Amino acid sequence: MIVRRSLGLAVLGAALMLTGCDKLGFTSAQKASFQGVDLTGANYARRFALPDIDGKMRSLEDFKGKVVVVFFGYTQCPDVCPTTMAELAQVKKALGPDGDRVQGIFITVDPERDKPELLKAYLASFDPSFVALRGNAEQIKETAKEFKVYYAQMPGKTPDSYTVDHTAASFLFDPQGRVRVYARYGAGAQPLMSDIKQLLAGA
């Protein structure tokens, strides 16, 4: 009897603690269980301000109400970039009508070769709704610093055949424009879909 009563009190206490957490302002967003790295509350990757291929300045404010997926890459990337874009396009399509609430953002780390026309054609091959951002060298540098993204040119056989080493991951923002998830490259489309669904549901 004593054991049962103690157990009951323990369960009641746990319930009260959970209730207390809710009252203290711990929301479902903080209880979300993401497949990627949870960045909720991070003091970086909070903003960007870069021109799109038409020269219009774009920021997170432009995409409020959508789950935004930001990826840094370049069009001549042999594997990481096309795989990431293809997986995001796959997820967006699989979500059906909810896919309209997902916005892919591709920030080039190779503005010298990634001209507007090339970026437009490149992203259209995955999903025409994806937005490409292309700043000058200093703008890209500052944006990468804000996101703690690494990139560096690696020499090729000719001056124009260089490659670019870069951070291989995507940053997921919730519909309020807050960074929430760091999705590592190589995890596949399913974990990405799971995390996007949670953010769409208000996690």
Protein backbone atom coordinates (compact mmCIF):
# COMPACT_ATOMS: atom_id res chain seq x y z
CA MET A 1 0.00 0.00 0.00
CA ILE A 2 2.83 2.38 0.86
CA VAL A 3 4.56 1.61 -2.43
CA ARG A 4 1.37 2.25 -4.40
CA ARG A 5 0.71 5.49 -2.57
CA SER A 6 4.28 6.66 -3.16
CA LEU A 7 4.03 5.77 -6.82
CA GLY A 8 0.78 7.64 -7.10
CA LEU A 9 2.28 10.70 -5.46
CA ALA A 10 5.27 10.50 -7.80
CA VAL A 11 3.02 10.39 -10.85
CA LEU A 12 0.94 13.28 -9.51
CA GLY A 13 4.11 15.24 -8.81
CA ALA A 14 5.39 14.66 -12.34
CA ALA A 15 2.07 15.79 -13.78
CA LEU A 16 2.18 18.94 -11.69
CA MET A 17 5.76 19.61 -12.82
CA LEU A 18 4.72 19.30 -16.46
CA THR A 19 1.78 21.62 -15.85
CA GLY A 20 4.13 24.04 -14.16
CA CYS A 21 6.45 23.94 -17.20
CA ASP A 22 3.61 24.93 -19.48
CA LYS A 23 2.67 27.77 -17.16
CA LEU A 24 6.28 28.96 -17.12
CA GLY A 25 6.17 29.31 -20.88
CA PHE A 26 7.79 26.12 -22.13
CA THR A 27 5.97 25.62 -25.40
CA SER A 28 5.65 22.68 -27.75
CA ALA A 29 8.37 24.30 -29.86
CA GLN A 30 10.87 23.55 -27.10
CA LYS A 31 9.61 19.98 -26.76
CA ALA A 32 9.95 19.15 -30.44
CA SER A 33 12.04 16.10 -31.25
CA PHE A 34 13.93 16.86 -34.45
CA GLN A 35 15.89 14.42 -36.58
CA GLY A 36 18.47 17.11 -37.30
CA VAL A 37 20.38 19.18 -34.75
CA ASP A 38 18.00 21.36 -32.72
CA LEU A 39 19.07 25.00 -33.05
CA THR A 40 16.12 26.49 -31.20
CA GLY A 41 17.32 29.66 -29.48
CA ALA A 42 20.69 29.75 -31.30
CA ASN A 43 22.41 33.14 -31.41
CA TYR A 44 23.56 32.69 -35.01
CA ALA A 45 21.95 31.92 -38.40
CA ARG A 46 19.31 34.47 -37.47
CA ARG A 47 19.15 36.58 -40.62
CA PHE A 48 20.31 37.24 -44.16
CA ALA A 49 20.00 40.17 -46.56
CA LEU A 50 21.12 39.34 -50.09
CA PRO A 51 19.99 40.16 -53.63
CA ASP A 52 18.17 37.54 -55.66
CA ILE A 53 18.92 36.89 -59.33
CA ASP A 54 16.80 39.92 -60.29
CA GLY A 55 18.76 42.20 -57.95
CA LYS A 56 15.97 42.49 -55.37
CA MET A 57 17.14 42.37 -51.75
CA ARG A 58 15.63 39.42 -49.91
CA SER A 59 15.47 38.54 -46.23
CA LEU A 60 13.66 36.11 -43.96
CA GLU A 61 10.88 38.67 -43.59
CA ASP A 62 9.91 37.99 -47.20
CA PHE A 63 9.03 34.39 -46.38
CA LYS A 64 7.11 34.71 -43.12
CA GLY A 65 4.47 32.01 -42.80
CA LYS A 66 6.64 29.42 -44.55
CA VAL A 67 9.20 26.90 -43.41
CA VAL A 68 12.40 28.19 -44.99
CA VAL A 69 15.28 25.86 -45.86
CA VAL A 70 18.57 27.69 -46.46
CA PHE A 71 21.51 25.98 -48.15
CA PHE A 72 24.92 27.38 -49.13
CA GLY A 73 26.37 25.87 -52.31
CA TYR A 74 27.32 26.43 -55.95
CA THR A 75 26.08 25.22 -59.29
CA GLN A 76 29.22 23.33 -60.30
CA CYS A 77 29.22 21.31 -57.09
CA PRO A 78 29.48 17.64 -58.18
CA ASP A 79 27.37 15.87 -55.57
CA VAL A 80 26.43 17.55 -52.27
CA CYS A 81 24.52 20.49 -53.76
CA PRO A 82 22.44 18.65 -56.39
CA THR A 83 21.63 15.88 -53.91
CA THR A 84 20.48 18.38 -51.29
CA MET A 85 18.33 20.32 -53.75
CA ALA A 86 16.84 17.12 -55.16
CA GLU A 87 15.93 15.86 -51.68
CA LEU A 88 14.29 19.15 -50.76
CA ALA A 89 12.32 19.14 -54.01
CA GLN A 90 11.27 15.55 -53.28
CA VAL A 91 10.06 16.49 -49.80
CA LYS A 92 8.21 19.56 -51.06
CA LYS A 93 6.39 17.49 -53.66
CA ALA A 94 5.57 14.68 -51.22
CA LEU A 95 3.96 17.18 -48.83
CA GLY A 96 1.25 17.93 -51.38
CA PRO A 97 -0.59 21.21 -50.69
CA ASP A 98 1.57 21.78 -47.60
CA GLY A 99 4.57 21.93 -49.91
CA ASP A 100 3.46 25.43 -50.89
CA ARG A 101 4.43 26.47 -47.37
CA VAL A 102 8.03 25.34 -47.82
CA GLN A 103 10.57 27.72 -49.35
CA GLY A 104 13.98 26.59 -50.56
CA ILE A 105 16.75 29.23 -50.51
CA PHE A 106 20.05 28.59 -52.32
CA ILE A 107 22.88 30.98 -51.40
CA THR A 108 25.77 30.70 -53.81
CA VAL A 109 29.30 30.69 -52.43
CA ASP A 110 30.65 31.06 -55.98
CA PRO A 111 29.19 34.35 -57.27
CA GLU A 112 32.00 34.71 -59.83
CA ARG A 113 30.77 31.76 -61.90
CA ASP A 114 27.16 31.53 -60.71
CA LYS A 115 25.63 34.21 -62.89
CA PRO A 116 21.89 34.95 -62.53
CA GLU A 117 20.90 33.06 -65.69
CA LEU A 118 22.83 29.98 -64.58
CA LEU A 119 21.32 30.03 -61.08
CA LYS A 120 17.82 30.39 -62.51
CA ALA A 121 18.23 27.38 -64.79
CA TYR A 122 19.96 25.35 -62.11
CA LEU A 123 17.24 25.75 -59.49
CA ALA A 124 14.43 25.39 -62.03
CA SER A 125 15.74 21.89 -62.75
CA PHE A 126 14.81 20.96 -59.17
CA ASP A 127 11.86 23.23 -58.33
CA PRO A 128 11.03 26.56 -59.99
CA SER A 129 9.85 27.98 -56.66
CA PHE A 130 13.33 27.78 -55.14
CA VAL A 131 15.01 31.16 -54.72
CA ALA A 132 18.68 31.81 -55.48
CA LEU A 133 20.58 34.55 -53.64
CA ARG A 134 23.79 35.95 -55.08
CA GLY A 135 25.67 38.71 -53.32
CA ASN A 136 29.13 40.11 -53.90
CA ALA A 137 32.14 38.53 -52.20
CA GLU A 138 31.83 40.68 -49.08
CA GLN A 139 28.09 40.08 -48.70
CA ILE A 140 28.56 36.33 -49.01
CA LYS A 141 31.39 36.44 -46.50
CA GLU A 142 29.27 38.30 -43.95
CA THR A 143 26.28 36.01 -44.45
CA ALA A 144 28.42 32.88 -44.10
CA LYS A 145 29.88 34.33 -40.91
CA GLU A 146 26.39 34.87 -39.50
CA PHE A 147 25.53 31.24 -40.25
CA LYS A 148 28.95 29.92 -39.17
CA VAL A 149 29.31 28.38 -42.62
CA TYR A 150 32.73 27.51 -44.01
CA TYR A 151 33.67 27.81 -47.69
CA ALA A 152 36.97 28.03 -49.55
CA GLN A 153 38.10 27.74 -53.17
CA MET A 154 40.26 24.74 -54.03
CA PRO A 155 42.52 25.17 -57.11
CA GLY A 156 41.78 23.14 -60.23
CA LYS A 157 43.81 22.36 -63.35
CA THR A 158 42.89 25.76 -64.79
CA PRO A 159 41.97 29.06 -63.09
CA ASP A 160 38.29 28.54 -63.91
CA SER A 161 38.08 24.88 -62.90
CA TYR A 162 38.36 25.36 -59.16
CA THR A 163 36.02 23.66 -56.72
CA VAL A 164 34.61 25.10 -53.51
CA ASP A 165 34.77 23.27 -50.21
CA HIS A 166 31.78 24.29 -48.12
CA THR A 167 29.61 23.35 -45.18
CA ALA A 168 27.26 20.59 -46.30
CA ALA A 169 24.08 21.22 -44.36
CA SER A 170 20.74 23.01 -44.50
CA PHE A 171 19.25 25.43 -41.99
CA LEU A 172 15.52 25.13 -41.29
CA PHE A 173 13.51 28.13 -40.12
CA ASP A 174 10.00 27.98 -38.70
CA PRO A 175 7.13 30.08 -40.14
CA GLN A 176 7.97 32.86 -37.66
CA GLY A 177 11.46 33.19 -39.16
CA ARG A 178 13.39 31.56 -36.29
CA VAL A 179 16.21 29.14 -37.00
CA ARG A 180 15.27 25.73 -35.59
CA VAL A 181 17.16 22.86 -37.23
CA TYR A 182 20.59 22.09 -38.69
CA ALA A 183 20.03 19.28 -41.19
CA ARG A 184 23.28 17.47 -42.00
CA TYR A 185 24.01 16.29 -45.52
CA GLY A 186 23.65 12.57 -46.04
CA ALA A 187 20.75 11.98 -43.67
CA GLY A 188 18.31 11.54 -46.54
CA ALA A 189 14.90 12.95 -47.41
CA GLN A 190 12.88 11.20 -44.70
CA PRO A 191 14.45 12.96 -41.66
CA LEU A 192 14.18 16.27 -43.51
CA MET A 193 10.49 15.66 -44.16
CA SER A 194 9.90 14.75 -40.53
CA ASP A 195 11.46 17.98 -39.29
CA ILE A 196 9.66 20.13 -41.86
CA LYS A 197 6.33 18.53 -40.93
CA GLN A 198 6.92 19.36 -37.27
CA LEU A 199 7.68 22.97 -38.10
CA LEU A 200 4.61 23.23 -40.35
CA ALA A 201 2.52 21.85 -37.49
CA GLY A 202 3.78 24.57 -35.16
CA ALA A 203 6.51 22.72 -33.29
